[in-house]
Amino acid sequence: MSYSIFMLRFVDGETVALDAERLRQVIEPYVVAGGPEEAFSQLRAADGGEADLYHESSRENGMPCVTATHFARGTMYGVLARLAAALGASVLPQGGGALIFHENDRRHLPAGLQGEALVVAPTAEALRAAIDAP
């Protein structure tokens, strides 16, 4: 699937750095190319589903965003949901509204994202349903 989702963490309407160590902990079992030390990781789940992650962490202010592209349906949705939850990140699907895991996160979103944000469980099924919703 050539669709992108963006994982960003917001505090008081501003983006803040994501934790590169948490990224490494979550994705390490799935990395088949690249890795946390690079700006790219290719992941593969047990069911063969893959995803490409872009995650620059060498910036002065830390890792601003994780972008997932070319991800497969199935187990990979669960990996991405767990990653976003571990990072304390909101998920911004390409062309869609923000997905958050806790209602308390809504107040941290930029004002333009707060009203349309959808609270979802950090599971494969919930993330897939929210992304696939019209």
C-alpha atoms as a PDB file:
ATOM      1  CA  MET A   1       0.000   0.000   0.000  1.00  0.00           C
ATOM      2  CA  SER A   2       1.536   3.358  -0.974  1.00  0.00           C
ATOM      3  CA  TYR A   3      -0.270   5.311   1.684  1.00  0.00           C
ATOM      4  CA  SER A   4       1.465   7.301   4.420  1.00  0.00           C
ATOM      5  CA  ILE A   5       0.755   7.908   8.065  1.00  0.00           C
ATOM      6  CA  PHE A   6       2.651  10.351  10.218  1.00  0.00           C
ATOM      7  CA  MET A   7       3.321   9.952  13.933  1.00  0.00           C
ATOM      8  CA  LEU A   8       3.844  13.190  15.823  1.00  0.00           C
ATOM      9  CA  ARG A   9       3.752  14.048  19.500  1.00  0.00           C
ATOM     10  CA  PHE A  10       2.087  17.305  20.510  1.00  0.00           C
ATOM     11  CA  VAL A  11       2.279  19.271  23.730  1.00  0.00           C
ATOM     12  CA  ASP A  12       0.256  22.484  24.007  1.00  0.00           C
ATOM     13  CA  GLY A  13      -0.299  22.556  20.244  1.00  0.00           C
ATOM     14  CA  GLU A  14       3.391  22.248  19.351  1.00  0.00           C
ATOM     15  CA  THR A  15       5.312  19.228  18.111  1.00  0.00           C
ATOM     16  CA  VAL A  16       7.881  17.796  20.506  1.00  0.00           C
ATOM     17  CA  ALA A  17      10.595  15.229  19.912  1.00  0.00           C
ATOM     18  CA  LEU A  18       9.763  11.549  19.872  1.00  0.00           C
ATOM     19  CA  ASP A  19      11.836   9.131  21.945  1.00  0.00           C
ATOM     20  CA  ALA A  20      14.357   7.394  19.660  1.00  0.00           C
ATOM     21  CA  GLU A  21      15.052   4.705  22.288  1.00  0.00           C
ATOM     22  CA  ARG A  22      11.368   3.755  22.442  1.00  0.00           C
ATOM     23  CA  LEU A  23      11.313   3.619  18.645  1.00  0.00           C
ATOM     24  CA  ARG A  24      14.247   1.194  18.728  1.00  0.00           C
ATOM     25  CA  GLN A  25      12.635  -0.982  21.407  1.00  0.00           C
ATOM     26  CA  VAL A  26       9.378  -1.375  19.484  1.00  0.00           C
ATOM     27  CA  ILE A  27      10.719  -1.859  15.962  1.00  0.00           C
ATOM     28  CA  GLU A  28      13.881  -3.865  16.653  1.00  0.00           C
ATOM     29  CA  PRO A  29      12.189  -7.306  16.347  1.00  0.00           C
ATOM     30  CA  TYR A  30      10.771  -6.343  12.938  1.00  0.00           C
ATOM     31  CA  VAL A  31      13.725  -4.599  11.233  1.00  0.00           C
ATOM     32  CA  VAL A  32      14.965  -6.372   8.087  1.00  0.00           C
ATOM     33  CA  ALA A  33      16.850  -3.430   6.537  1.00  0.00           C
ATOM     34  CA  GLY A  34      18.147  -0.112   7.791  1.00  0.00           C
ATOM     35  CA  GLY A  35      17.577   0.521  11.461  1.00  0.00           C
ATOM     36  CA  PRO A  36      17.197   3.130  14.183  1.00  0.00           C
ATOM     37  CA  GLU A  37      20.738   4.425  13.606  1.00  0.00           C
ATOM     38  CA  GLU A  38      19.780   5.275  10.042  1.00  0.00           C
ATOM     39  CA  ALA A  39      16.928   7.471   8.863  1.00  0.00           C
ATOM     40  CA  PHE A  40      15.084   4.463   7.411  1.00  0.00           C
ATOM     41  CA  SER A  41      13.900   1.061   8.630  1.00  0.00           C
ATOM     42  CA  GLN A  42      12.132  -1.600   6.636  1.00  0.00           C
ATOM     43  CA  LEU A  43       9.949  -3.738   8.885  1.00  0.00           C
ATOM     44  CA  ARG A  44       8.499  -7.210   8.371  1.00  0.00           C
ATOM     45  CA  ALA A  45       5.887  -8.805  10.634  1.00  0.00           C
ATOM     46  CA  ALA A  46       5.294 -12.517  11.243  1.00  0.00           C
ATOM     47  CA  ASP A  47       2.542 -12.632   8.603  1.00  0.00           C
ATOM     48  CA  GLY A  48       4.968 -11.254   5.984  1.00  0.00           C
ATOM     49  CA  GLY A  49       3.480  -7.748   5.999  1.00  0.00           C
ATOM     50  CA  GLU A  50       6.005  -4.976   5.568  1.00  0.00           C
ATOM     51  CA  ALA A  51       6.295  -1.253   6.176  1.00  0.00           C
ATOM     52  CA  ASP A  52       8.887   1.399   5.408  1.00  0.00           C
ATOM     53  CA  LEU A  53       9.613   3.806   8.273  1.00  0.00           C
ATOM     54  CA  TYR A  54      11.372   7.137   7.953  1.00  0.00           C
ATOM     55  CA  HIS A  55      12.625   8.487  11.274  1.00  0.00           C
ATOM     56  CA  GLU A  56      15.346  11.098  11.277  1.00  0.00           C
ATOM     57  CA  SER A  57      16.787  11.344  14.785  1.00  0.00           C
ATOM     58  CA  SER A  58      20.015  13.218  14.181  1.00  0.00           C
ATOM     59  CA  ARG A  59      18.375  16.635  14.346  1.00  0.00           C
ATOM     60  CA  GLU A  60      19.330  19.071  17.065  1.00  0.00           C
ATOM     61  CA  ASN A  61      15.851  18.882  18.622  1.00  0.00           C
ATOM     62  CA  GLY A  62      15.519  15.110  18.364  1.00  0.00           C
ATOM     63  CA  MET A  63      13.230  12.997  16.210  1.00  0.00           C
ATOM     64  CA  PRO A  64      10.318  15.184  15.061  1.00  0.00           C
ATOM     65  CA  CYS A  65       8.250  12.601  13.193  1.00  0.00           C
ATOM     66  CA  VAL A  66       7.996   8.990  12.131  1.00  0.00           C
ATOM     67  CA  THR A  67       6.463   8.353   8.730  1.00  0.00           C
ATOM     68  CA  ALA A  68       5.190   4.910   7.733  1.00  0.00           C
ATOM     69  CA  THR A  69       4.678   4.123   4.055  1.00  0.00           C
ATOM     70  CA  HIS A  70       4.049   1.040   1.929  1.00  0.00           C
ATOM     71  CA  PHE A  71       2.594  -0.819   4.892  1.00  0.00           C
ATOM     72  CA  ALA A  72       0.604  -4.000   4.527  1.00  0.00           C
ATOM     73  CA  ARG A  73      -2.727  -4.815   6.058  1.00  0.00           C
ATOM     74  CA  GLY A  74      -2.664  -7.346   8.850  1.00  0.00           C
ATOM     75  CA  THR A  75      -0.175  -7.608  11.659  1.00  0.00           C
ATOM     76  CA  MET A  76       1.718  -4.484  10.571  1.00  0.00           C
ATOM     77  CA  TYR A  77      -1.214  -2.306  11.647  1.00  0.00           C
ATOM     78  CA  GLY A  78      -0.702  -3.633  15.178  1.00  0.00           C
ATOM     79  CA  VAL A  79       3.029  -2.891  15.049  1.00  0.00           C
ATOM     80  CA  LEU A  80       2.316   0.684  13.921  1.00  0.00           C
ATOM     81  CA  ALA A  81      -0.377   1.165  16.574  1.00  0.00           C
ATOM     82  CA  ARG A  82       1.964  -0.094  19.313  1.00  0.00           C
ATOM     83  CA  LEU A  83       4.735   2.153  18.016  1.00  0.00           C
ATOM     84  CA  ALA A  84       2.559   5.271  18.038  1.00  0.00           C
ATOM     85  CA  ALA A  85       1.257   4.459  21.521  1.00  0.00           C
ATOM     86  CA  ALA A  86       4.782   3.828  22.862  1.00  0.00           C
ATOM     87  CA  LEU A  87       5.934   7.149  21.411  1.00  0.00           C
ATOM     88  CA  GLY A  88       2.951   9.004  22.881  1.00  0.00           C
ATOM     89  CA  ALA A  89       2.255  10.116  19.321  1.00  0.00           C
ATOM     90  CA  SER A  90      -0.878  11.069  17.482  1.00  0.00           C
ATOM     91  CA  VAL A  91      -1.372   9.366  14.119  1.00  0.00           C
ATOM     92  CA  LEU A  92      -2.080  11.637  11.179  1.00  0.00           C
ATOM     93  CA  PRO A  93      -3.182   9.586   8.169  1.00  0.00           C
ATOM     94  CA  GLN A  94      -2.503  10.991   4.741  1.00  0.00           C
ATOM     95  CA  GLY A  95      -5.497  13.186   3.939  1.00  0.00           C
ATOM     96  CA  GLY A  96      -7.347  12.404   7.176  1.00  0.00           C
ATOM     97  CA  GLY A  97      -7.942  13.751  10.652  1.00  0.00           C
ATOM     98  CA  ALA A  98      -5.807  13.033  13.703  1.00  0.00           C
ATOM     99  CA  LEU A  99      -6.123   9.728  15.541  1.00  0.00           C
ATOM    100  CA  ILE A 100      -5.397   9.805  19.261  1.00  0.00           C
ATOM    101  CA  PHE A 101      -5.340   7.034  21.846  1.00  0.00           C
ATOM    102  CA  HIS A 102      -6.649   9.012  24.845  1.00  0.00           C
ATOM    103  CA  GLU A 103      -9.206  11.813  25.067  1.00  0.00           C
ATOM    104  CA  ASN A 104      -6.716  13.802  27.177  1.00  0.00           C
ATOM    105  CA  ASP A 105      -4.439  14.014  24.115  1.00  0.00           C
ATOM    106  CA  ARG A 106      -6.997  16.157  22.254  1.00  0.00           C
ATOM    107  CA  ARG A 107      -6.094  19.293  24.228  1.00  0.00           C
ATOM    108  CA  HIS A 108      -2.464  18.973  23.116  1.00  0.00           C
ATOM    109  CA  LEU A 109      -3.280  18.910  19.404  1.00  0.00           C
ATOM    110  CA  PRO A 110      -3.035  22.111  17.365  1.00  0.00           C
ATOM    111  CA  ALA A 111      -6.417  23.874  17.408  1.00  0.00           C
ATOM    112  CA  GLY A 112      -7.128  22.950  13.780  1.00  0.00           C
ATOM    113  CA  LEU A 113      -6.888  19.226  14.551  1.00  0.00           C
ATOM    114  CA  GLN A 114      -8.785  19.074  17.834  1.00  0.00           C
ATOM    115  CA  GLY A 115     -12.377  19.071  16.576  1.00  0.00           C
ATOM    116  CA  GLU A 116     -11.979  16.267  14.039  1.00  0.00           C
ATOM    117  CA  ALA A 117      -9.657  14.055  16.119  1.00  0.00           C
ATOM    118  CA  LEU A 118     -10.886  10.517  16.661  1.00  0.00           C
ATOM    119  CA  VAL A 119     -10.050   8.508  19.783  1.00  0.00           C
ATOM    120  CA  VAL A 120      -9.102   4.926  18.879  1.00  0.00           C
ATOM    121  CA  ALA A 121      -7.697   1.961  20.763  1.00  0.00           C
ATOM    122  CA  PRO A 122      -4.003   1.234  20.058  1.00  0.00           C
ATOM    123  CA  THR A 123      -4.807  -1.998  18.226  1.00  0.00           C
ATOM    124  CA  ALA A 124      -4.436  -3.248  14.669  1.00  0.00           C
ATOM    125  CA  GLU A 125      -8.196  -3.483  14.212  1.00  0.00           C
ATOM    126  CA  ALA A 126      -8.956   0.022  15.509  1.00  0.00           C
ATOM    127  CA  LEU A 127      -6.161   1.669  13.530  1.00  0.00           C
ATOM    128  CA  ARG A 128      -7.141  -0.134  10.322  1.00  0.00           C
ATOM    129  CA  ALA A 129     -10.817   0.770  10.757  1.00  0.00           C
ATOM    130  CA  ALA A 130     -10.012   4.435  11.406  1.00  0.00           C
ATOM    131  CA  ILE A 131      -7.681   4.681   8.420  1.00  0.00           C
ATOM    132  CA  ASP A 132     -10.067   2.811   6.097  1.00  0.00           C
ATOM    133  CA  ALA A 133     -13.126   4.853   7.171  1.00  0.00           C
ATOM    134  CA  PRO A 134     -14.433   7.157   4.451  1.00  0.00           C
END
